[in-house]
Amino acid sequence: MRNETSSNQISLAYFFIFNPDYGQKEGKEAEKIFYYYPVDEKIEKQIRIAGFCAGMIKFTQTFKSNKPCEFVHTEKIRMIFNELGDNFWMVIGLNVPLSLDKVYENDLLSDQIYMSILKKIFNYYRLFNGNIGDSLRLIGIDKLKEKMKLFFDDVKFNK
């Protein structure tokens, strides 16, 4: 899951919006992904990552928690989940930096800071485009995906 980047810095592995209610049939899994960055990522990898995230969300819901899954930490990747409503989720995956002595530096990443960034990105989207669920009902899935692509392709992820 690690994109090739300088491993001694925090870097973006992926950013996407998905809804696990879609693409539940065999061969239709890509339908759950509404936007994905990097845009040139192979669809198989997008499906695998979105499926993992959907599984983590569903698994944590079995504990009857009133708070959804927000953070998943692995040795190499930090994932932050922001629930947008209508079962839409915004996810950011960050590469954990590797120190000179080849130890992953998890302490350099703050969950709360990156959650704040995700929420701000979504608030900007909602300001200009309205609620995702309402848009889906009004314009349909294909137009919504186009609208997201136009908006999020303008976000400067690598700057």
N, C-alpha and C. Protein backbone atom coordinates (compact mmCIF):
# COMPACT_ATOMS: atom_id res chain seq x y z
N MET A 1 0.80 -1.19 0.00
CA MET A 1 0.00 0.00 0.00
C MET A 1 0.85 1.26 0.00
N ARG A 2 2.12 1.16 0.04
CA ARG A 2 2.99 2.33 0.18
C ARG A 2 3.36 2.88 -1.18
N ASN A 3 3.01 4.14 -1.42
CA ASN A 3 3.43 4.80 -2.65
C ASN A 3 4.91 5.11 -2.54
N GLU A 4 5.60 5.12 -3.66
CA GLU A 4 7.03 5.39 -3.66
C GLU A 4 7.27 6.88 -3.46
N THR A 5 7.71 7.24 -2.26
CA THR A 5 8.03 8.63 -1.94
C THR A 5 9.24 8.62 -1.04
N SER A 6 9.72 9.80 -0.71
CA SER A 6 10.81 9.91 0.24
C SER A 6 10.32 9.37 1.58
N SER A 7 10.96 8.32 2.07
CA SER A 7 10.44 7.62 3.24
C SER A 7 10.77 8.30 4.55
N ASN A 8 11.52 9.40 4.56
CA ASN A 8 11.81 10.08 5.81
C ASN A 8 10.88 11.26 6.06
N GLN A 9 9.81 11.38 5.28
CA GLN A 9 8.85 12.46 5.42
C GLN A 9 7.44 11.89 5.48
N ILE A 10 6.56 12.63 6.13
CA ILE A 10 5.13 12.29 6.07
C ILE A 10 4.68 12.58 4.64
N SER A 11 4.00 11.64 4.03
CA SER A 11 3.53 11.86 2.66
C SER A 11 2.16 11.21 2.47
N LEU A 12 1.45 11.71 1.50
CA LEU A 12 0.12 11.22 1.20
C LEU A 12 0.20 9.93 0.41
N ALA A 13 -0.39 8.88 0.92
CA ALA A 13 -0.46 7.61 0.20
C ALA A 13 -1.71 7.60 -0.68
N TYR A 14 -2.84 8.05 -0.13
CA TYR A 14 -4.09 8.11 -0.88
C TYR A 14 -5.11 8.98 -0.16
N PHE A 15 -6.09 9.41 -0.92
CA PHE A 15 -7.23 10.17 -0.43
C PHE A 15 -8.41 9.71 -1.25
N PHE A 16 -9.51 9.37 -0.61
CA PHE A 16 -10.67 8.96 -1.40
C PHE A 16 -11.96 9.14 -0.63
N ILE A 17 -13.05 9.11 -1.39
CA ILE A 17 -14.40 9.16 -0.85
C ILE A 17 -15.11 7.92 -1.36
N PHE A 18 -15.76 7.23 -0.44
CA PHE A 18 -16.47 6.02 -0.85
C PHE A 18 -17.73 5.85 -0.02
N ASN A 19 -18.60 4.98 -0.53
CA ASN A 19 -19.82 4.61 0.17
C ASN A 19 -19.94 3.09 0.09
N PRO A 20 -19.81 2.39 1.24
CA PRO A 20 -19.83 0.93 1.22
C PRO A 20 -21.18 0.33 0.84
N ASP A 21 -22.23 1.14 0.75
CA ASP A 21 -23.53 0.63 0.32
C ASP A 21 -23.56 0.32 -1.18
N TYR A 22 -22.62 0.86 -1.91
CA TYR A 22 -22.55 0.64 -3.37
C TYR A 22 -21.51 -0.43 -3.68
N GLY A 23 -21.61 -1.00 -4.87
CA GLY A 23 -20.61 -1.95 -5.35
C GLY A 23 -20.49 -3.20 -4.50
N GLN A 24 -21.60 -3.72 -4.02
CA GLN A 24 -21.55 -4.90 -3.16
C GLN A 24 -21.57 -6.22 -3.94
N LYS A 25 -21.86 -6.15 -5.22
CA LYS A 25 -21.89 -7.38 -6.03
C LYS A 25 -20.53 -7.65 -6.65
N GLU A 26 -20.23 -8.91 -6.85
CA GLU A 26 -18.98 -9.35 -7.47
C GLU A 26 -18.80 -8.65 -8.82
N GLY A 27 -17.65 -8.05 -9.02
CA GLY A 27 -17.34 -7.36 -10.27
C GLY A 27 -17.80 -5.91 -10.30
N LYS A 28 -18.54 -5.47 -9.30
CA LYS A 28 -19.06 -4.10 -9.25
C LYS A 28 -18.45 -3.29 -8.10
N GLU A 29 -17.38 -3.81 -7.49
CA GLU A 29 -16.79 -3.20 -6.30
C GLU A 29 -16.33 -1.76 -6.52
N ALA A 30 -15.92 -1.43 -7.74
CA ALA A 30 -15.43 -0.08 -8.03
C ALA A 30 -16.52 0.98 -7.89
N GLU A 31 -17.78 0.57 -7.93
CA GLU A 31 -18.89 1.53 -7.83
C GLU A 31 -18.94 2.21 -6.47
N LYS A 32 -18.32 1.62 -5.45
CA LYS A 32 -18.35 2.23 -4.12
C LYS A 32 -17.40 3.42 -4.00
N ILE A 33 -16.46 3.55 -4.94
CA ILE A 33 -15.47 4.61 -4.90
C ILE A 33 -15.97 5.80 -5.73
N PHE A 34 -16.16 6.93 -5.08
CA PHE A 34 -16.68 8.12 -5.74
C PHE A 34 -15.57 9.05 -6.20
N TYR A 35 -14.47 9.05 -5.48
CA TYR A 35 -13.29 9.81 -5.87
C TYR A 35 -12.08 9.13 -5.28
N TYR A 36 -10.97 9.14 -6.03
CA TYR A 36 -9.74 8.52 -5.53
C TYR A 36 -8.52 9.29 -6.04
N TYR A 37 -7.61 9.55 -5.11
CA TYR A 37 -6.32 10.15 -5.44
C TYR A 37 -5.25 9.27 -4.84
N PRO A 38 -4.20 8.93 -5.53
CA PRO A 38 -3.79 9.46 -6.84
C PRO A 38 -4.66 8.90 -7.96
N VAL A 39 -4.95 9.76 -8.90
CA VAL A 39 -5.89 9.42 -9.97
C VAL A 39 -5.38 8.30 -10.87
N ASP A 40 -4.07 8.09 -10.90
CA ASP A 40 -3.52 7.05 -11.77
C ASP A 40 -3.35 5.70 -11.05
N GLU A 41 -3.86 5.58 -9.83
CA GLU A 41 -3.77 4.32 -9.09
C GLU A 41 -4.60 3.25 -9.79
N LYS A 42 -4.07 2.03 -9.85
CA LYS A 42 -4.80 0.93 -10.48
C LYS A 42 -6.09 0.66 -9.72
N ILE A 43 -7.15 0.37 -10.47
CA ILE A 43 -8.47 0.17 -9.87
C ILE A 43 -8.48 -1.00 -8.88
N GLU A 44 -7.67 -2.01 -9.12
CA GLU A 44 -7.60 -3.16 -8.21
C GLU A 44 -7.11 -2.71 -6.83
N LYS A 45 -6.13 -1.84 -6.81
CA LYS A 45 -5.60 -1.35 -5.55
C LYS A 45 -6.62 -0.44 -4.86
N GLN A 46 -7.30 0.40 -5.64
CA GLN A 46 -8.34 1.25 -5.08
C GLN A 46 -9.42 0.41 -4.41
N ILE A 47 -9.85 -0.64 -5.09
CA ILE A 47 -10.89 -1.54 -4.56
C ILE A 47 -10.40 -2.22 -3.29
N ARG A 48 -9.17 -2.67 -3.30
CA ARG A 48 -8.61 -3.37 -2.13
C ARG A 48 -8.55 -2.44 -0.91
N ILE A 49 -8.08 -1.21 -1.11
CA ILE A 49 -7.97 -0.27 0.00
C ILE A 49 -9.36 0.15 0.50
N ALA A 50 -10.26 0.46 -0.43
CA ALA A 50 -11.62 0.85 -0.03
C ALA A 50 -12.32 -0.31 0.68
N GLY A 51 -12.10 -1.52 0.21
CA GLY A 51 -12.69 -2.69 0.85
C GLY A 51 -12.16 -2.89 2.26
N PHE A 52 -10.87 -2.69 2.43
CA PHE A 52 -10.27 -2.79 3.77
C PHE A 52 -10.90 -1.76 4.71
N CYS A 53 -11.03 -0.53 4.22
CA CYS A 53 -11.61 0.54 5.04
C CYS A 53 -13.06 0.23 5.39
N ALA A 54 -13.83 -0.25 4.41
CA ALA A 54 -15.22 -0.61 4.67
C ALA A 54 -15.29 -1.72 5.72
N GLY A 55 -14.38 -2.68 5.62
CA GLY A 55 -14.34 -3.77 6.60
C GLY A 55 -14.01 -3.27 8.00
N MET A 56 -13.07 -2.33 8.10
CA MET A 56 -12.72 -1.78 9.41
C MET A 56 -13.90 -1.02 10.02
N ILE A 57 -14.61 -0.27 9.20
CA ILE A 57 -15.76 0.49 9.67
C ILE A 57 -16.84 -0.46 10.16
N LYS A 58 -17.14 -1.49 9.35
CA LYS A 58 -18.19 -2.46 9.72
C LYS A 58 -17.78 -3.24 10.97
N PHE A 59 -16.53 -3.65 11.04
CA PHE A 59 -16.04 -4.41 12.19
C PHE A 59 -16.20 -3.59 13.48
N THR A 60 -15.81 -2.33 13.45
CA THR A 60 -15.90 -1.52 14.67
C THR A 60 -17.35 -1.23 15.06
N GLN A 61 -18.27 -1.25 14.09
CA GLN A 61 -19.68 -1.04 14.41
C GLN A 61 -20.26 -2.21 15.20
N THR A 62 -19.64 -3.38 15.12
CA THR A 62 -20.15 -4.54 15.86
C THR A 62 -20.00 -4.36 17.36
N PHE A 63 -19.18 -3.41 17.79
CA PHE A 63 -18.99 -3.17 19.21
C PHE A 63 -20.02 -2.19 19.77
N LYS A 64 -21.00 -1.85 18.96
CA LYS A 64 -22.10 -0.98 19.37
C LYS A 64 -21.64 0.38 19.88
N SER A 65 -20.52 0.81 19.39
CA SER A 65 -20.00 2.11 19.78
C SER A 65 -20.83 3.20 19.10
N ASN A 66 -21.09 4.28 19.84
CA ASN A 66 -21.83 5.38 19.22
C ASN A 66 -20.91 6.27 18.40
N LYS A 67 -19.62 5.96 18.43
CA LYS A 67 -18.64 6.73 17.66
C LYS A 67 -18.04 5.85 16.57
N PRO A 68 -18.05 6.31 15.33
CA PRO A 68 -17.52 5.46 14.25
C PRO A 68 -16.00 5.34 14.30
N CYS A 69 -15.49 4.39 13.56
CA CYS A 69 -14.04 4.22 13.42
C CYS A 69 -13.48 5.49 12.79
N GLU A 70 -12.45 6.06 13.40
CA GLU A 70 -11.84 7.27 12.86
C GLU A 70 -10.38 7.10 12.48
N PHE A 71 -9.67 6.22 13.18
CA PHE A 71 -8.23 6.10 12.96
C PHE A 71 -7.82 4.63 12.94
N VAL A 72 -6.94 4.31 12.01
CA VAL A 72 -6.31 2.99 11.98
C VAL A 72 -4.82 3.23 11.82
N HIS A 73 -4.05 2.64 12.71
CA HIS A 73 -2.60 2.77 12.70
C HIS A 73 -1.98 1.43 12.33
N THR A 74 -1.13 1.44 11.33
CA THR A 74 -0.30 0.28 11.04
C THR A 74 1.15 0.77 11.11
N GLU A 75 2.06 -0.12 10.93
CA GLU A 75 3.46 0.29 11.01
C GLU A 75 3.81 1.33 9.95
N LYS A 76 3.30 1.16 8.74
CA LYS A 76 3.70 2.00 7.61
C LYS A 76 2.68 3.04 7.18
N ILE A 77 1.42 2.83 7.53
CA ILE A 77 0.34 3.71 7.05
C ILE A 77 -0.51 4.15 8.24
N ARG A 78 -0.92 5.41 8.20
CA ARG A 78 -1.90 5.94 9.16
C ARG A 78 -3.13 6.29 8.34
N MET A 79 -4.29 5.75 8.72
CA MET A 79 -5.54 6.03 8.02
C MET A 79 -6.46 6.85 8.92
N ILE A 80 -7.07 7.86 8.34
CA ILE A 80 -8.02 8.69 9.06
C ILE A 80 -9.33 8.67 8.28
N PHE A 81 -10.43 8.34 8.98
CA PHE A 81 -11.75 8.22 8.39
C PHE A 81 -12.64 9.34 8.89
N ASN A 82 -13.30 10.03 7.97
CA ASN A 82 -14.26 11.08 8.34
C ASN A 82 -15.61 10.69 7.76
N GLU A 83 -16.58 10.46 8.63
CA GLU A 83 -17.93 10.12 8.18
C GLU A 83 -18.63 11.38 7.72
N LEU A 84 -19.13 11.37 6.48
CA LEU A 84 -19.71 12.56 5.87
C LEU A 84 -21.23 12.60 5.92
N GLY A 85 -21.86 11.51 6.33
CA GLY A 85 -23.31 11.41 6.31
C GLY A 85 -23.76 10.55 5.15
N ASP A 86 -24.94 9.97 5.27
CA ASP A 86 -25.51 9.08 4.24
C ASP A 86 -24.55 7.94 3.90
N ASN A 87 -23.76 7.51 4.88
CA ASN A 87 -22.78 6.42 4.76
C ASN A 87 -21.67 6.71 3.75
N PHE A 88 -21.39 7.98 3.51
CA PHE A 88 -20.23 8.39 2.72
C PHE A 88 -19.07 8.61 3.69
N TRP A 89 -17.89 8.22 3.25
CA TRP A 89 -16.68 8.33 4.07
C TRP A 89 -15.57 8.97 3.26
N MET A 90 -14.84 9.87 3.90
CA MET A 90 -13.65 10.47 3.33
C MET A 90 -12.46 9.86 4.08
N VAL A 91 -11.49 9.35 3.33
CA VAL A 91 -10.36 8.65 3.94
C VAL A 91 -9.05 9.25 3.43
N ILE A 92 -8.13 9.45 4.35
CA ILE A 92 -6.79 9.85 3.97
C ILE A 92 -5.84 8.80 4.53
N GLY A 93 -4.91 8.37 3.69
CA GLY A 93 -3.86 7.45 4.12
C GLY A 93 -2.53 8.15 4.03
N LEU A 94 -1.79 8.14 5.12
CA LEU A 94 -0.50 8.83 5.18
C LEU A 94 0.62 7.82 5.38
N ASN A 95 1.69 7.99 4.62
CA ASN A 95 2.87 7.17 4.82
C ASN A 95 3.59 7.64 6.08
N VAL A 96 3.86 6.71 6.97
CA VAL A 96 4.60 7.02 8.19
C VAL A 96 6.07 7.16 7.83
N PRO A 97 6.72 8.25 8.27
CA PRO A 97 8.13 8.44 7.91
C PRO A 97 9.04 7.38 8.55
N LEU A 98 10.10 7.10 7.85
CA LEU A 98 11.10 6.12 8.29
C LEU A 98 12.35 6.87 8.72
N SER A 99 12.83 6.62 9.94
CA SER A 99 14.02 7.31 10.43
C SER A 99 15.28 6.76 9.75
N LEU A 100 16.40 7.41 10.00
CA LEU A 100 17.66 6.97 9.41
C LEU A 100 18.05 5.57 9.86
N ASP A 101 17.63 5.19 11.08
CA ASP A 101 17.94 3.84 11.54
C ASP A 101 16.80 2.86 11.24
N LYS A 102 16.00 3.19 10.22
CA LYS A 102 14.97 2.30 9.67
C LYS A 102 13.86 1.95 10.67
N VAL A 103 13.46 2.92 11.48
CA VAL A 103 12.36 2.76 12.42
C VAL A 103 11.24 3.71 11.99
N TYR A 104 10.01 3.20 11.94
CA TYR A 104 8.89 4.05 11.55
C TYR A 104 8.53 5.00 12.68
N GLU A 105 8.41 6.28 12.35
CA GLU A 105 8.22 7.34 13.34
C GLU A 105 6.74 7.72 13.47
N ASN A 106 5.96 6.85 14.06
CA ASN A 106 4.53 7.08 14.23
C ASN A 106 4.20 8.31 15.06
N ASP A 107 5.10 8.69 15.96
CA ASP A 107 4.84 9.82 16.84
C ASP A 107 4.83 11.16 16.11
N LEU A 108 5.31 11.20 14.88
CA LEU A 108 5.34 12.46 14.13
C LEU A 108 3.97 12.82 13.54
N LEU A 109 3.04 11.88 13.55
CA LEU A 109 1.72 12.09 12.96
C LEU A 109 0.69 12.32 14.06
N SER A 110 -0.09 13.38 13.94
CA SER A 110 -1.16 13.66 14.88
C SER A 110 -2.51 13.35 14.23
N ASP A 111 -3.22 12.39 14.80
CA ASP A 111 -4.54 12.04 14.28
C ASP A 111 -5.46 13.26 14.23
N GLN A 112 -5.44 14.04 15.29
CA GLN A 112 -6.37 15.17 15.39
C GLN A 112 -6.09 16.25 14.35
N ILE A 113 -4.84 16.50 14.06
CA ILE A 113 -4.50 17.50 13.04
C ILE A 113 -5.00 17.05 11.67
N TYR A 114 -4.74 15.79 11.33
CA TYR A 114 -5.16 15.31 10.01
C TYR A 114 -6.68 15.14 9.92
N MET A 115 -7.34 14.83 11.03
CA MET A 115 -8.81 14.79 11.03
C MET A 115 -9.34 16.20 10.78
N SER A 116 -8.72 17.17 11.40
CA SER A 116 -9.13 18.56 11.20
C SER A 116 -8.98 18.96 9.72
N ILE A 117 -7.90 18.54 9.11
CA ILE A 117 -7.68 18.83 7.68
C ILE A 117 -8.77 18.18 6.84
N LEU A 118 -9.09 16.91 7.12
CA LEU A 118 -10.16 16.22 6.38
C LEU A 118 -11.48 16.96 6.52
N LYS A 119 -11.80 17.38 7.73
CA LYS A 119 -13.07 18.08 7.95
C LYS A 119 -13.10 19.41 7.21
N LYS A 120 -11.97 20.12 7.17
CA LYS A 120 -11.93 21.39 6.44
C LYS A 120 -12.11 21.15 4.93
N ILE A 121 -11.46 20.12 4.41
CA ILE A 121 -11.63 19.80 2.98
C ILE A 121 -13.10 19.53 2.68
N PHE A 122 -13.74 18.74 3.54
CA PHE A 122 -15.14 18.43 3.31
C PHE A 122 -16.02 19.67 3.44
N ASN A 123 -15.74 20.52 4.42
CA ASN A 123 -16.53 21.74 4.58
C ASN A 123 -16.43 22.64 3.35
N TYR A 124 -15.23 22.73 2.76
CA TYR A 124 -15.09 23.50 1.51
C TYR A 124 -15.90 22.86 0.40
N TYR A 125 -15.83 21.54 0.29
CA TYR A 125 -16.61 20.86 -0.74
C TYR A 125 -18.10 21.16 -0.55
N ARG A 126 -18.57 20.99 0.68
CA ARG A 126 -20.00 21.18 0.97
C ARG A 126 -20.43 22.63 0.73
N LEU A 127 -19.56 23.58 1.03
CA LEU A 127 -19.86 24.99 0.81
C LEU A 127 -20.20 25.26 -0.66
N PHE A 128 -19.41 24.67 -1.57
CA PHE A 128 -19.59 24.93 -3.00
C PHE A 128 -20.51 23.94 -3.70
N ASN A 129 -20.71 22.75 -3.11
CA ASN A 129 -21.45 21.71 -3.81
C ASN A 129 -22.65 21.15 -3.06
N GLY A 130 -22.82 21.52 -1.82
CA GLY A 130 -23.95 21.03 -1.03
C GLY A 130 -23.69 19.65 -0.46
N ASN A 131 -24.72 19.11 0.15
CA ASN A 131 -24.66 17.80 0.79
C ASN A 131 -24.51 16.68 -0.25
N ILE A 132 -23.65 15.73 0.03
CA ILE A 132 -23.38 14.65 -0.93
C ILE A 132 -24.62 13.80 -1.17
N GLY A 133 -25.32 13.43 -0.09
CA GLY A 133 -26.53 12.60 -0.24
C GLY A 133 -27.60 13.29 -1.07
N ASP A 134 -27.80 14.58 -0.83
CA ASP A 134 -28.78 15.35 -1.61
C ASP A 134 -28.36 15.42 -3.07
N SER A 135 -27.07 15.66 -3.31
CA SER A 135 -26.57 15.72 -4.69
C SER A 135 -26.78 14.39 -5.40
N LEU A 136 -26.51 13.30 -4.71
CA LEU A 136 -26.69 11.97 -5.30
C LEU A 136 -28.14 11.77 -5.73
N ARG A 137 -29.08 12.15 -4.88
CA ARG A 137 -30.50 11.99 -5.21
C ARG A 137 -30.92 12.91 -6.36
N LEU A 138 -30.33 14.11 -6.42
CA LEU A 138 -30.73 15.08 -7.44
C LEU A 138 -30.10 14.83 -8.81
N ILE A 139 -28.80 14.50 -8.83
CA ILE A 139 -28.11 14.43 -10.12
C ILE A 139 -27.63 13.03 -10.49
N GLY A 140 -27.68 12.10 -9.56
CA GLY A 140 -27.28 10.72 -9.86
C GLY A 140 -25.79 10.48 -9.62
N ILE A 141 -25.45 9.22 -9.64
CA ILE A 141 -24.11 8.78 -9.27
C ILE A 141 -23.02 9.26 -10.22
N ASP A 142 -23.26 9.18 -11.53
CA ASP A 142 -22.23 9.56 -12.50
C ASP A 142 -21.91 11.06 -12.44
N LYS A 143 -22.95 11.89 -12.37
CA LYS A 143 -22.74 13.34 -12.28
C LYS A 143 -22.09 13.72 -10.96
N LEU A 144 -22.44 13.01 -9.88
CA LEU A 144 -21.82 13.29 -8.59
C LEU A 144 -20.33 12.97 -8.64
N LYS A 145 -19.97 11.85 -9.25
CA LYS A 145 -18.56 11.50 -9.38
C LYS A 145 -17.81 12.53 -10.21
N GLU A 146 -18.43 13.02 -11.27
CA GLU A 146 -17.82 14.08 -12.10
C GLU A 146 -17.61 15.35 -11.28
N LYS A 147 -18.63 15.71 -10.50
CA LYS A 147 -18.57 16.91 -9.66
C LYS A 147 -17.43 16.78 -8.64
N MET A 148 -17.29 15.62 -8.03
CA MET A 148 -16.21 15.39 -7.06
C MET A 148 -14.85 15.46 -7.74
N LYS A 149 -14.76 14.88 -8.92
CA LYS A 149 -13.49 14.90 -9.64
C LYS A 149 -13.07 16.33 -9.95
N LEU A 150 -14.01 17.13 -10.44
CA LEU A 150 -13.70 18.53 -10.74
C LEU A 150 -13.22 19.28 -9.49
N PHE A 151 -13.90 19.06 -8.38
CA PHE A 151 -13.54 19.77 -7.16
C PHE A 151 -12.22 19.26 -6.58
N PHE A 152 -12.10 17.95 -6.37
CA PHE A 152 -10.95 17.42 -5.66
C PHE A 152 -9.68 17.38 -6.50
N ASP A 153 -9.81 17.35 -7.81
CA ASP A 153 -8.61 17.43 -8.65
C ASP A 153 -7.92 18.79 -8.50
N ASP A 154 -8.67 19.80 -8.06
CA ASP A 154 -8.11 21.13 -7.83
C ASP A 154 -7.39 21.25 -6.48
N VAL A 155 -7.68 20.33 -5.56
CA VAL A 155 -7.01 20.36 -4.26
C VAL A 155 -5.56 19.98 -4.48
N LYS A 156 -4.66 20.75 -3.91
CA LYS A 156 -3.22 20.53 -4.11
C LYS A 156 -2.71 19.55 -3.07
N PHE A 157 -2.84 18.26 -3.33
CA PHE A 157 -2.43 17.23 -2.38
C PHE A 157 -0.92 17.13 -2.22
N ASN A 158 -0.19 17.38 -3.28
CA ASN A 158 1.25 17.18 -3.20
C ASN A 158 2.01 18.50 -3.11
N LYS A 159 1.40 19.54 -2.69
CA LYS A 159 2.11 20.83 -2.55
C LYS A 159 2.02 21.29 -1.11
